[in-house]
Amino acid sequence: MYSLNRITTTADCDVLLTWANKEKEDLAHKRYTEQRFTTTYSTASIEIEAVLQGVLTEIAAEENIIGVLPEGRQKEEHVKKKIRLEYKKFLLENRKESYGVVALLENELDLERLNKEIDEVDAFIAAITAHRNTL
């Protein structure tokens, strides 16, 4: 898998081990950050979806009210309220794209990639360490 036979000194092994351990620390830090994002996105996606469903229900109710009211001040107030709710819906849908289920799944994929990279760096460290012990 790795060209370990080309490494002929313990000093070269030490350099590679130092580099690999630094790489592992960097990846562990990235993983911690991604785990925090995943937790945040998970919570946010549930909250956004719940609020969005409430807004959609309110919009439907306002449409029903507007449909039965005669022209006048009260109908205008409900039309304005519906417009505000539609704007709120627009904002929530945009937040859903950024912090919703899709963003959560993207974060989970990033986290899994980092886990696999860390596993590979661990395997590299083990291989170099084993080779170093034979020198």
C-alpha atoms as a PDB file:
ATOM      1  CA  MET A   1       0.000   0.000   0.000  1.00  0.00           C
ATOM      2  CA  TYR A   2       2.725   2.467   0.963  1.00  0.00           C
ATOM      3  CA  SER A   3       6.260   2.418  -0.446  1.00  0.00           C
ATOM      4  CA  LEU A   4       7.788   1.693   2.932  1.00  0.00           C
ATOM      5  CA  ASN A   5      10.716  -0.191   1.410  1.00  0.00           C
ATOM      6  CA  ARG A   6      12.030   3.180   0.175  1.00  0.00           C
ATOM      7  CA  ILE A   7      12.338   4.471   3.736  1.00  0.00           C
ATOM      8  CA  THR A   8      15.737   3.336   4.981  1.00  0.00           C
ATOM      9  CA  THR A   9      16.395   5.389   8.122  1.00  0.00           C
ATOM     10  CA  THR A  10      14.634   5.897  11.421  1.00  0.00           C
ATOM     11  CA  ALA A  11      15.097   9.647  10.941  1.00  0.00           C
ATOM     12  CA  ASP A  12      12.910   9.530   7.819  1.00  0.00           C
ATOM     13  CA  CYS A  13      10.340   7.534   9.780  1.00  0.00           C
ATOM     14  CA  ASP A  14      10.422  10.138  12.548  1.00  0.00           C
ATOM     15  CA  VAL A  15       9.832  12.948  10.040  1.00  0.00           C
ATOM     16  CA  LEU A  16       6.879  11.066   8.550  1.00  0.00           C
ATOM     17  CA  LEU A  17       5.458  10.276  11.984  1.00  0.00           C
ATOM     18  CA  THR A  18       5.719  13.922  13.060  1.00  0.00           C
ATOM     19  CA  TRP A  19       3.972  15.037   9.878  1.00  0.00           C
ATOM     20  CA  ALA A  20       1.270  12.347  10.182  1.00  0.00           C
ATOM     21  CA  ASN A  21       0.557  13.193  13.819  1.00  0.00           C
ATOM     22  CA  LYS A  22       0.229  16.891  12.919  1.00  0.00           C
ATOM     23  CA  GLU A  23      -2.123  15.939  10.083  1.00  0.00           C
ATOM     24  CA  LYS A  24      -4.160  13.805  12.487  1.00  0.00           C
ATOM     25  CA  GLU A  25      -4.443  16.703  14.964  1.00  0.00           C
ATOM     26  CA  ASP A  26      -5.660  19.011  12.185  1.00  0.00           C
ATOM     27  CA  LEU A  27      -8.226  16.459  11.038  1.00  0.00           C
ATOM     28  CA  ALA A  28      -9.395  15.882  14.613  1.00  0.00           C
ATOM     29  CA  HIS A  29      -9.943  19.629  14.991  1.00  0.00           C
ATOM     30  CA  LYS A  30     -11.911  19.743  11.723  1.00  0.00           C
ATOM     31  CA  ARG A  31     -13.945  16.744  12.890  1.00  0.00           C
ATOM     32  CA  TYR A  32     -14.783  18.494  16.160  1.00  0.00           C
ATOM     33  CA  THR A  33     -15.937  21.562  14.209  1.00  0.00           C
ATOM     34  CA  GLU A  34     -18.047  19.439  11.845  1.00  0.00           C
ATOM     35  CA  GLN A  35     -19.597  17.606  14.792  1.00  0.00           C
ATOM     36  CA  ARG A  36     -20.623  20.951  16.288  1.00  0.00           C
ATOM     37  CA  PHE A  37     -22.083  22.071  12.941  1.00  0.00           C
ATOM     38  CA  THR A  38     -23.945  18.780  12.585  1.00  0.00           C
ATOM     39  CA  THR A  39     -25.464  19.157  16.050  1.00  0.00           C
ATOM     40  CA  THR A  40     -26.452  22.759  15.316  1.00  0.00           C
ATOM     41  CA  TYR A  41     -27.910  21.865  11.910  1.00  0.00           C
ATOM     42  CA  SER A  42     -29.810  18.934  13.375  1.00  0.00           C
ATOM     43  CA  THR A  43     -31.487  21.152  15.960  1.00  0.00           C
ATOM     44  CA  ALA A  44     -32.062  23.998  13.505  1.00  0.00           C
ATOM     45  CA  SER A  45     -33.580  21.770  10.820  1.00  0.00           C
ATOM     46  CA  ILE A  46     -36.232  20.472  13.232  1.00  0.00           C
ATOM     47  CA  GLU A  47     -37.002  23.973  14.506  1.00  0.00           C
ATOM     48  CA  ILE A  48     -37.190  25.519  11.031  1.00  0.00           C
ATOM     49  CA  GLU A  49     -39.498  22.788   9.757  1.00  0.00           C
ATOM     50  CA  ALA A  50     -41.851  23.187  12.730  1.00  0.00           C
ATOM     51  CA  VAL A  51     -42.027  26.975  12.381  1.00  0.00           C
ATOM     52  CA  LEU A  52     -42.503  26.689   8.609  1.00  0.00           C
ATOM     53  CA  GLN A  53     -45.448  24.321   9.068  1.00  0.00           C
ATOM     54  CA  GLY A  54     -47.025  26.802  11.475  1.00  0.00           C
ATOM     55  CA  VAL A  55     -46.577  29.650   8.992  1.00  0.00           C
ATOM     56  CA  LEU A  56     -48.103  27.577   6.182  1.00  0.00           C
ATOM     57  CA  THR A  57     -51.105  26.864   8.402  1.00  0.00           C
ATOM     58  CA  GLU A  58     -51.467  30.578   9.202  1.00  0.00           C
ATOM     59  CA  ILE A  59     -51.270  31.481   5.494  1.00  0.00           C
ATOM     60  CA  ALA A  60     -54.032  28.979   4.695  1.00  0.00           C
ATOM     61  CA  ALA A  61     -56.173  30.412   7.504  1.00  0.00           C
ATOM     62  CA  GLU A  62     -55.620  33.971   6.266  1.00  0.00           C
ATOM     63  CA  GLU A  63     -56.589  32.931   2.732  1.00  0.00           C
ATOM     64  CA  ASN A  64     -59.853  31.503   4.074  1.00  0.00           C
ATOM     65  CA  ILE A  65     -60.561  34.663   6.079  1.00  0.00           C
ATOM     66  CA  ILE A  66     -59.742  36.933   3.118  1.00  0.00           C
ATOM     67  CA  GLY A  67     -62.040  34.870   0.896  1.00  0.00           C
ATOM     68  CA  VAL A  68     -65.107  35.497   3.060  1.00  0.00           C
ATOM     69  CA  LEU A  69     -64.537  39.097   4.172  1.00  0.00           C
ATOM     70  CA  PRO A  70     -66.186  41.963   2.317  1.00  0.00           C
ATOM     71  CA  GLU A  71     -63.983  44.712   0.902  1.00  0.00           C
ATOM     72  CA  GLY A  72     -62.835  47.110   3.575  1.00  0.00           C
ATOM     73  CA  ARG A  73     -60.316  47.861   6.278  1.00  0.00           C
ATOM     74  CA  GLN A  74     -60.523  44.472   7.977  1.00  0.00           C
ATOM     75  CA  LYS A  75     -59.911  42.606   4.710  1.00  0.00           C
ATOM     76  CA  GLU A  76     -56.930  44.874   3.945  1.00  0.00           C
ATOM     77  CA  GLU A  77     -55.443  44.068   7.364  1.00  0.00           C
ATOM     78  CA  HIS A  78     -55.713  40.339   6.678  1.00  0.00           C
ATOM     79  CA  VAL A  79     -54.185  40.778   3.210  1.00  0.00           C
ATOM     80  CA  LYS A  80     -51.243  42.632   4.812  1.00  0.00           C
ATOM     81  CA  LYS A  81     -50.913  39.908   7.434  1.00  0.00           C
ATOM     82  CA  LYS A  82     -50.866  37.266   4.682  1.00  0.00           C
ATOM     83  CA  ILE A  83     -48.130  39.189   2.844  1.00  0.00           C
ATOM     84  CA  ARG A  84     -46.035  39.317   6.048  1.00  0.00           C
ATOM     85  CA  LEU A  85     -46.570  35.585   6.526  1.00  0.00           C
ATOM     86  CA  GLU A  86     -45.526  34.883   2.935  1.00  0.00           C
ATOM     87  CA  TYR A  87     -42.349  36.884   3.518  1.00  0.00           C
ATOM     88  CA  LYS A  88     -41.712  34.912   6.717  1.00  0.00           C
ATOM     89  CA  LYS A  89     -42.253  31.713   4.704  1.00  0.00           C
ATOM     90  CA  PHE A  90     -39.712  32.927   2.134  1.00  0.00           C
ATOM     91  CA  LEU A  91     -37.130  33.603   4.868  1.00  0.00           C
ATOM     92  CA  LEU A  92     -37.741  30.226   6.500  1.00  0.00           C
ATOM     93  CA  GLU A  93     -37.376  28.413   3.192  1.00  0.00           C
ATOM     94  CA  ASN A  94     -34.047  30.178   2.639  1.00  0.00           C
ATOM     95  CA  ARG A  95     -32.921  29.219   6.153  1.00  0.00           C
ATOM     96  CA  LYS A  96     -34.070  25.677   5.463  1.00  0.00           C
ATOM     97  CA  GLU A  97     -31.673  25.528   2.507  1.00  0.00           C
ATOM     98  CA  SER A  98     -28.797  26.761   4.661  1.00  0.00           C
ATOM     99  CA  TYR A  99     -29.554  24.934   7.905  1.00  0.00           C
ATOM    100  CA  GLY A 100     -32.196  22.383   7.033  1.00  0.00           C
ATOM    101  CA  VAL A 101     -32.128  18.666   6.358  1.00  0.00           C
ATOM    102  CA  VAL A 102     -30.136  19.014   3.123  1.00  0.00           C
ATOM    103  CA  ALA A 103     -27.432  21.019   4.885  1.00  0.00           C
ATOM    104  CA  LEU A 104     -27.481  18.490   7.726  1.00  0.00           C
ATOM    105  CA  LEU A 105     -26.871  15.608   5.317  1.00  0.00           C
ATOM    106  CA  GLU A 106     -24.062  17.519   3.606  1.00  0.00           C
ATOM    107  CA  ASN A 107     -22.454  18.046   7.009  1.00  0.00           C
ATOM    108  CA  GLU A 108     -22.863  14.392   7.907  1.00  0.00           C
ATOM    109  CA  LEU A 109     -21.094  13.457   4.663  1.00  0.00           C
ATOM    110  CA  ASP A 110     -18.234  15.841   5.489  1.00  0.00           C
ATOM    111  CA  LEU A 111     -17.989  14.312   8.950  1.00  0.00           C
ATOM    112  CA  GLU A 112     -17.817  10.773   7.544  1.00  0.00           C
ATOM    113  CA  ARG A 113     -15.082  11.828   5.109  1.00  0.00           C
ATOM    114  CA  LEU A 114     -13.071  13.237   7.996  1.00  0.00           C
ATOM    115  CA  ASN A 115     -13.539  10.031   9.988  1.00  0.00           C
ATOM    116  CA  LYS A 116     -12.227   7.985   7.053  1.00  0.00           C
ATOM    117  CA  GLU A 117      -9.260  10.339   6.603  1.00  0.00           C
ATOM    118  CA  ILE A 118      -8.403  10.003  10.296  1.00  0.00           C
ATOM    119  CA  ASP A 119      -8.646   6.203  10.009  1.00  0.00           C
ATOM    120  CA  GLU A 120      -6.281   6.289   7.030  1.00  0.00           C
ATOM    121  CA  VAL A 121      -3.793   8.524   8.851  1.00  0.00           C
ATOM    122  CA  ASP A 122      -3.931   6.088  11.795  1.00  0.00           C
ATOM    123  CA  ALA A 123      -3.174   3.210   9.406  1.00  0.00           C
ATOM    124  CA  PHE A 124      -0.292   5.224   7.922  1.00  0.00           C
ATOM    125  CA  ILE A 125       1.120   5.920  11.399  1.00  0.00           C
ATOM    126  CA  ALA A 126       0.851   2.231  12.299  1.00  0.00           C
ATOM    127  CA  ALA A 127       2.603   1.192   9.070  1.00  0.00           C
ATOM    128  CA  ILE A 128       5.438   3.706   9.535  1.00  0.00           C
ATOM    129  CA  THR A 129       5.822   2.732  13.196  1.00  0.00           C
ATOM    130  CA  ALA A 130       5.975  -0.972  12.307  1.00  0.00           C
ATOM    131  CA  HIS A 131       8.516  -0.270   9.550  1.00  0.00           C
ATOM    132  CA  ARG A 132      10.584   1.912  11.894  1.00  0.00           C
ATOM    133  CA  ASN A 133      10.756  -0.963  14.370  1.00  0.00           C
ATOM    134  CA  THR A 134      12.330  -3.165  11.675  1.00  0.00           C
ATOM    135  CA  LEU A 135      15.149  -0.693  10.963  1.00  0.00           C
END
